[in-house]
Amino acid sequence: MATDYDAPRKTEDELGEDSLEELKARRLDKNSGKVDEDEVEAAESFELPGADLSHEELSVQVLPRQSDEFTCSQCFLVHHRSQLASERNGVMVCRDCAA
């Protein structure tokens, strides 16, 4: 809730003078800003892990491994050559797996 620091402040005497009706009206105004959300409608848009995605299409273009990249023999991820930790007998390992 935003606070107006430039507004004049009420003293304790003035705060005690607020009528019961004014206080009730303020409380009702605070509750009027709440949004009633339909739980069923919200649940329909929520997808659980492992949901059937057979009707979905892949929207990412997959490129083949480039000449300056290698496939780690431990994690099988494609990395840039700068991530190469060791290469022995043609076995390439990335820095993450070598650590």
N, C-alpha and C. Protein backbone atom coordinates (compact mmCIF):
# COMPACT_ATOMS: atom_id res chain seq x y z
N MET A 1 0.85 -1.17 0.00
CA MET A 1 0.00 0.00 0.00
C MET A 1 0.90 1.24 0.00
N ALA A 2 0.56 2.19 -0.85
CA ALA A 2 1.36 3.41 -0.96
C ALA A 2 1.06 4.34 0.20
N THR A 3 2.10 5.02 0.68
CA THR A 3 1.95 5.96 1.79
C THR A 3 2.33 7.35 1.29
N ASP A 4 1.46 8.30 1.57
CA ASP A 4 1.74 9.68 1.22
C ASP A 4 2.44 10.34 2.40
N TYR A 5 3.75 10.51 2.30
CA TYR A 5 4.52 11.05 3.42
C TYR A 5 4.36 12.57 3.55
N ASP A 6 3.82 13.21 2.52
CA ASP A 6 3.61 14.66 2.57
C ASP A 6 2.29 15.04 3.21
N ALA A 7 1.40 14.08 3.40
CA ALA A 7 0.08 14.38 3.99
C ALA A 7 0.25 14.71 5.47
N PRO A 8 -0.57 15.63 5.97
CA PRO A 8 -0.48 15.95 7.40
C PRO A 8 -0.86 14.74 8.25
N ARG A 9 -0.14 14.55 9.32
CA ARG A 9 -0.36 13.39 10.19
C ARG A 9 -1.35 13.74 11.28
N LYS A 10 -2.11 12.74 11.67
CA LYS A 10 -3.09 12.94 12.74
C LYS A 10 -2.42 12.67 14.09
N THR A 11 -2.85 13.40 15.06
CA THR A 11 -2.36 13.15 16.42
C THR A 11 -3.16 12.01 17.01
N GLU A 12 -2.76 11.53 18.17
CA GLU A 12 -3.47 10.43 18.82
C GLU A 12 -4.90 10.82 19.17
N ASP A 13 -5.12 12.09 19.52
CA ASP A 13 -6.47 12.55 19.84
C ASP A 13 -7.36 12.47 18.60
N GLU A 14 -6.81 12.89 17.45
CA GLU A 14 -7.60 12.85 16.22
C GLU A 14 -7.87 11.42 15.78
N LEU A 15 -6.92 10.53 16.01
CA LEU A 15 -7.14 9.13 15.65
C LEU A 15 -8.26 8.52 16.49
N GLY A 16 -8.35 8.88 17.73
CA GLY A 16 -9.40 8.36 18.60
C GLY A 16 -10.77 8.90 18.26
N GLU A 17 -10.84 10.02 17.52
CA GLU A 17 -12.11 10.63 17.17
C GLU A 17 -12.78 9.97 15.97
N ASP A 18 -12.09 9.09 15.26
CA ASP A 18 -12.71 8.42 14.11
C ASP A 18 -13.92 7.63 14.58
N SER A 19 -15.00 7.80 13.87
CA SER A 19 -16.22 7.11 14.27
C SER A 19 -16.16 5.65 13.85
N LEU A 20 -16.97 4.86 14.47
CA LEU A 20 -17.03 3.44 14.18
C LEU A 20 -17.46 3.21 12.74
N GLU A 21 -18.36 4.04 12.22
CA GLU A 21 -18.83 3.89 10.85
C GLU A 21 -17.70 4.16 9.85
N GLU A 22 -16.86 5.18 10.14
CA GLU A 22 -15.75 5.47 9.24
C GLU A 22 -14.76 4.31 9.20
N LEU A 23 -14.50 3.73 10.36
CA LEU A 23 -13.58 2.60 10.41
C LEU A 23 -14.13 1.40 9.64
N LYS A 24 -15.42 1.14 9.78
CA LYS A 24 -16.04 0.03 9.04
C LYS A 24 -15.98 0.28 7.54
N ALA A 25 -16.23 1.52 7.14
CA ALA A 25 -16.19 1.86 5.72
C ALA A 25 -14.78 1.67 5.15
N ARG A 26 -13.77 2.05 5.89
CA ARG A 26 -12.38 1.87 5.44
C ARG A 26 -12.05 0.39 5.29
N ARG A 27 -12.52 -0.42 6.23
CA ARG A 27 -12.25 -1.85 6.19
C ARG A 27 -12.91 -2.46 4.96
N LEU A 28 -14.13 -2.06 4.64
CA LEU A 28 -14.83 -2.58 3.48
C LEU A 28 -14.15 -2.14 2.19
N ASP A 29 -13.61 -0.93 2.16
CA ASP A 29 -12.92 -0.45 0.97
C ASP A 29 -11.66 -1.26 0.70
N LYS A 30 -10.96 -1.66 1.73
CA LYS A 30 -9.76 -2.47 1.56
C LYS A 30 -10.09 -3.82 0.97
N ASN A 31 -11.21 -4.42 1.38
CA ASN A 31 -11.60 -5.73 0.88
C ASN A 31 -12.17 -5.67 -0.52
N SER A 32 -12.62 -4.52 -0.96
CA SER A 32 -13.23 -4.41 -2.28
C SER A 32 -12.20 -4.57 -3.40
N GLY A 33 -10.92 -4.42 -3.12
CA GLY A 33 -9.88 -4.56 -4.11
C GLY A 33 -9.50 -6.00 -4.40
N LYS A 34 -10.00 -6.94 -3.65
CA LYS A 34 -9.66 -8.34 -3.85
C LYS A 34 -10.35 -8.87 -5.10
N VAL A 35 -9.67 -9.76 -5.81
CA VAL A 35 -10.20 -10.33 -7.03
C VAL A 35 -10.67 -11.75 -6.72
N ASP A 36 -11.89 -12.02 -7.10
CA ASP A 36 -12.40 -13.38 -6.95
C ASP A 36 -11.94 -14.19 -8.15
N GLU A 37 -11.13 -15.22 -7.89
CA GLU A 37 -10.60 -16.04 -8.97
C GLU A 37 -11.26 -17.40 -8.94
N ASP A 38 -11.70 -17.83 -10.08
CA ASP A 38 -12.32 -19.14 -10.19
C ASP A 38 -11.22 -20.20 -10.11
N GLU A 39 -11.27 -21.03 -9.09
CA GLU A 39 -10.21 -22.03 -8.87
C GLU A 39 -10.19 -23.07 -9.97
N VAL A 40 -11.35 -23.43 -10.49
CA VAL A 40 -11.40 -24.43 -11.55
C VAL A 40 -10.74 -23.89 -12.81
N GLU A 41 -11.02 -22.64 -13.14
CA GLU A 41 -10.43 -22.03 -14.32
C GLU A 41 -8.91 -21.92 -14.18
N ALA A 42 -8.44 -21.57 -13.00
CA ALA A 42 -7.00 -21.46 -12.77
C ALA A 42 -6.33 -22.83 -12.84
N ALA A 43 -7.01 -23.86 -12.39
CA ALA A 43 -6.44 -25.21 -12.39
C ALA A 43 -6.34 -25.76 -13.80
N GLU A 44 -7.25 -25.36 -14.70
CA GLU A 44 -7.22 -25.86 -16.06
C GLU A 44 -5.99 -25.39 -16.82
N SER A 45 -5.49 -24.21 -16.52
CA SER A 45 -4.32 -23.70 -17.23
C SER A 45 -3.00 -24.19 -16.63
N PHE A 46 -3.06 -24.89 -15.50
CA PHE A 46 -1.85 -25.36 -14.83
C PHE A 46 -1.53 -26.77 -15.33
N GLU A 47 -0.29 -26.97 -15.79
CA GLU A 47 0.12 -28.28 -16.29
C GLU A 47 1.05 -28.95 -15.29
N LEU A 48 0.79 -30.20 -15.03
CA LEU A 48 1.63 -30.98 -14.14
C LEU A 48 2.80 -31.58 -14.91
N PRO A 49 3.92 -31.85 -14.23
CA PRO A 49 5.04 -32.51 -14.90
C PRO A 49 4.61 -33.88 -15.40
N GLY A 50 5.09 -34.25 -16.57
CA GLY A 50 4.75 -35.53 -17.15
C GLY A 50 3.44 -35.50 -17.92
N ALA A 51 2.91 -34.32 -18.17
CA ALA A 51 1.66 -34.20 -18.91
C ALA A 51 1.88 -34.61 -20.36
N ASP A 52 0.80 -35.01 -21.03
CA ASP A 52 0.86 -35.43 -22.42
C ASP A 52 1.13 -34.23 -23.31
N LEU A 53 2.28 -34.19 -23.92
CA LEU A 53 2.67 -33.09 -24.80
C LEU A 53 2.79 -33.55 -26.24
N SER A 54 2.12 -34.65 -26.60
CA SER A 54 2.27 -35.22 -27.94
C SER A 54 1.71 -34.30 -29.02
N HIS A 55 0.79 -33.41 -28.68
CA HIS A 55 0.22 -32.50 -29.67
C HIS A 55 1.04 -31.22 -29.83
N GLU A 56 2.09 -31.05 -29.03
CA GLU A 56 2.93 -29.85 -29.10
C GLU A 56 4.02 -30.03 -30.15
N GLU A 57 4.43 -28.91 -30.76
CA GLU A 57 5.51 -28.94 -31.74
C GLU A 57 6.73 -28.23 -31.18
N LEU A 58 7.90 -28.70 -31.55
CA LEU A 58 9.15 -28.10 -31.13
C LEU A 58 9.36 -26.80 -31.90
N SER A 59 9.58 -25.72 -31.18
CA SER A 59 9.72 -24.43 -31.84
C SER A 59 11.15 -23.90 -31.78
N VAL A 60 12.12 -24.78 -31.57
CA VAL A 60 13.53 -24.40 -31.47
C VAL A 60 14.27 -25.02 -32.64
N GLN A 61 15.11 -24.24 -33.28
CA GLN A 61 15.90 -24.77 -34.38
C GLN A 61 17.13 -25.47 -33.80
N VAL A 62 17.31 -26.73 -34.16
CA VAL A 62 18.43 -27.53 -33.66
C VAL A 62 19.53 -27.51 -34.71
N LEU A 63 20.72 -27.10 -34.27
CA LEU A 63 21.87 -27.03 -35.16
C LEU A 63 22.80 -28.21 -34.88
N PRO A 64 23.48 -28.71 -35.91
CA PRO A 64 24.47 -29.76 -35.66
C PRO A 64 25.68 -29.19 -34.94
N ARG A 65 26.47 -30.08 -34.35
CA ARG A 65 27.67 -29.64 -33.63
C ARG A 65 28.61 -28.92 -34.58
N GLN A 66 29.14 -27.77 -34.13
CA GLN A 66 30.01 -26.94 -34.95
C GLN A 66 31.46 -27.43 -34.83
N SER A 67 32.32 -26.91 -35.69
CA SER A 67 33.72 -27.36 -35.71
C SER A 67 34.48 -26.95 -34.47
N ASP A 68 34.03 -25.88 -33.76
CA ASP A 68 34.72 -25.45 -32.55
C ASP A 68 34.04 -25.98 -31.28
N GLU A 69 33.25 -27.03 -31.40
CA GLU A 69 32.56 -27.63 -30.26
C GLU A 69 32.92 -29.10 -30.13
N PHE A 70 32.68 -29.65 -28.95
CA PHE A 70 32.92 -31.08 -28.71
C PHE A 70 31.81 -31.63 -27.83
N THR A 71 31.65 -32.94 -27.85
CA THR A 71 30.66 -33.60 -27.00
C THR A 71 31.41 -34.26 -25.85
N CYS A 72 31.03 -33.91 -24.63
CA CYS A 72 31.67 -34.47 -23.44
C CYS A 72 31.33 -35.96 -23.35
N SER A 73 32.34 -36.79 -23.05
CA SER A 73 32.11 -38.23 -22.94
C SER A 73 31.51 -38.63 -21.61
N GLN A 74 31.41 -37.69 -20.66
CA GLN A 74 30.81 -37.98 -19.36
C GLN A 74 29.33 -37.56 -19.30
N CYS A 75 29.06 -36.29 -19.63
CA CYS A 75 27.68 -35.76 -19.52
C CYS A 75 26.96 -35.73 -20.86
N PHE A 76 27.69 -35.96 -21.96
CA PHE A 76 27.14 -36.00 -23.32
C PHE A 76 26.52 -34.67 -23.76
N LEU A 77 26.97 -33.56 -23.19
CA LEU A 77 26.54 -32.24 -23.61
C LEU A 77 27.55 -31.68 -24.59
N VAL A 78 27.07 -30.84 -25.49
CA VAL A 78 27.94 -30.19 -26.46
C VAL A 78 28.44 -28.88 -25.85
N HIS A 79 29.78 -28.73 -25.81
CA HIS A 79 30.42 -27.55 -25.23
C HIS A 79 31.34 -26.91 -26.26
N HIS A 80 31.69 -25.65 -26.00
CA HIS A 80 32.68 -24.97 -26.81
C HIS A 80 34.06 -25.53 -26.44
N ARG A 81 35.01 -25.44 -27.36
CA ARG A 81 36.36 -25.98 -27.11
C ARG A 81 37.03 -25.34 -25.89
N SER A 82 36.63 -24.12 -25.53
CA SER A 82 37.23 -23.47 -24.37
C SER A 82 36.86 -24.18 -23.06
N GLN A 83 35.84 -25.04 -23.08
CA GLN A 83 35.42 -25.78 -21.89
C GLN A 83 36.09 -27.16 -21.80
N LEU A 84 36.96 -27.47 -22.72
CA LEU A 84 37.63 -28.77 -22.73
C LEU A 84 38.67 -28.84 -21.62
N ALA A 85 38.52 -29.82 -20.73
CA ALA A 85 39.45 -29.98 -19.61
C ALA A 85 40.58 -30.92 -19.99
N SER A 86 40.24 -32.04 -20.59
CA SER A 86 41.28 -32.99 -20.98
C SER A 86 40.81 -33.81 -22.17
N GLU A 87 41.82 -34.26 -22.94
CA GLU A 87 41.55 -35.12 -24.09
C GLU A 87 42.63 -36.19 -24.12
N ARG A 88 42.23 -37.38 -23.77
CA ARG A 88 43.17 -38.51 -23.75
C ARG A 88 42.60 -39.63 -24.61
N ASN A 89 43.38 -40.08 -25.56
CA ASN A 89 43.00 -41.17 -26.43
C ASN A 89 41.65 -40.91 -27.11
N GLY A 90 41.41 -39.65 -27.48
CA GLY A 90 40.18 -39.29 -28.17
C GLY A 90 38.98 -39.11 -27.26
N VAL A 91 39.17 -39.27 -25.93
CA VAL A 91 38.08 -39.09 -24.98
C VAL A 91 38.13 -37.66 -24.48
N MET A 92 37.06 -36.91 -24.73
CA MET A 92 37.01 -35.50 -24.35
C MET A 92 36.10 -35.35 -23.15
N VAL A 93 36.60 -34.58 -22.16
CA VAL A 93 35.85 -34.34 -20.92
C VAL A 93 35.78 -32.83 -20.68
N CYS A 94 34.59 -32.33 -20.33
CA CYS A 94 34.42 -30.90 -20.07
C CYS A 94 34.94 -30.55 -18.67
N ARG A 95 35.10 -29.25 -18.42
CA ARG A 95 35.61 -28.79 -17.13
C ARG A 95 34.69 -29.16 -15.97
N ASP A 96 33.38 -29.11 -16.21
CA ASP A 96 32.42 -29.42 -15.13
C ASP A 96 32.56 -30.88 -14.69
N CYS A 97 32.70 -31.79 -15.64
CA CYS A 97 32.82 -33.21 -15.28
C CYS A 97 34.19 -33.54 -14.72
N ALA A 98 35.22 -32.81 -15.14
CA ALA A 98 36.57 -33.08 -14.65
C ALA A 98 36.76 -32.60 -13.22
N ALA A 99 35.93 -31.67 -12.78
CA ALA A 99 36.09 -31.12 -11.43
C ALA A 99 35.61 -32.07 -10.36
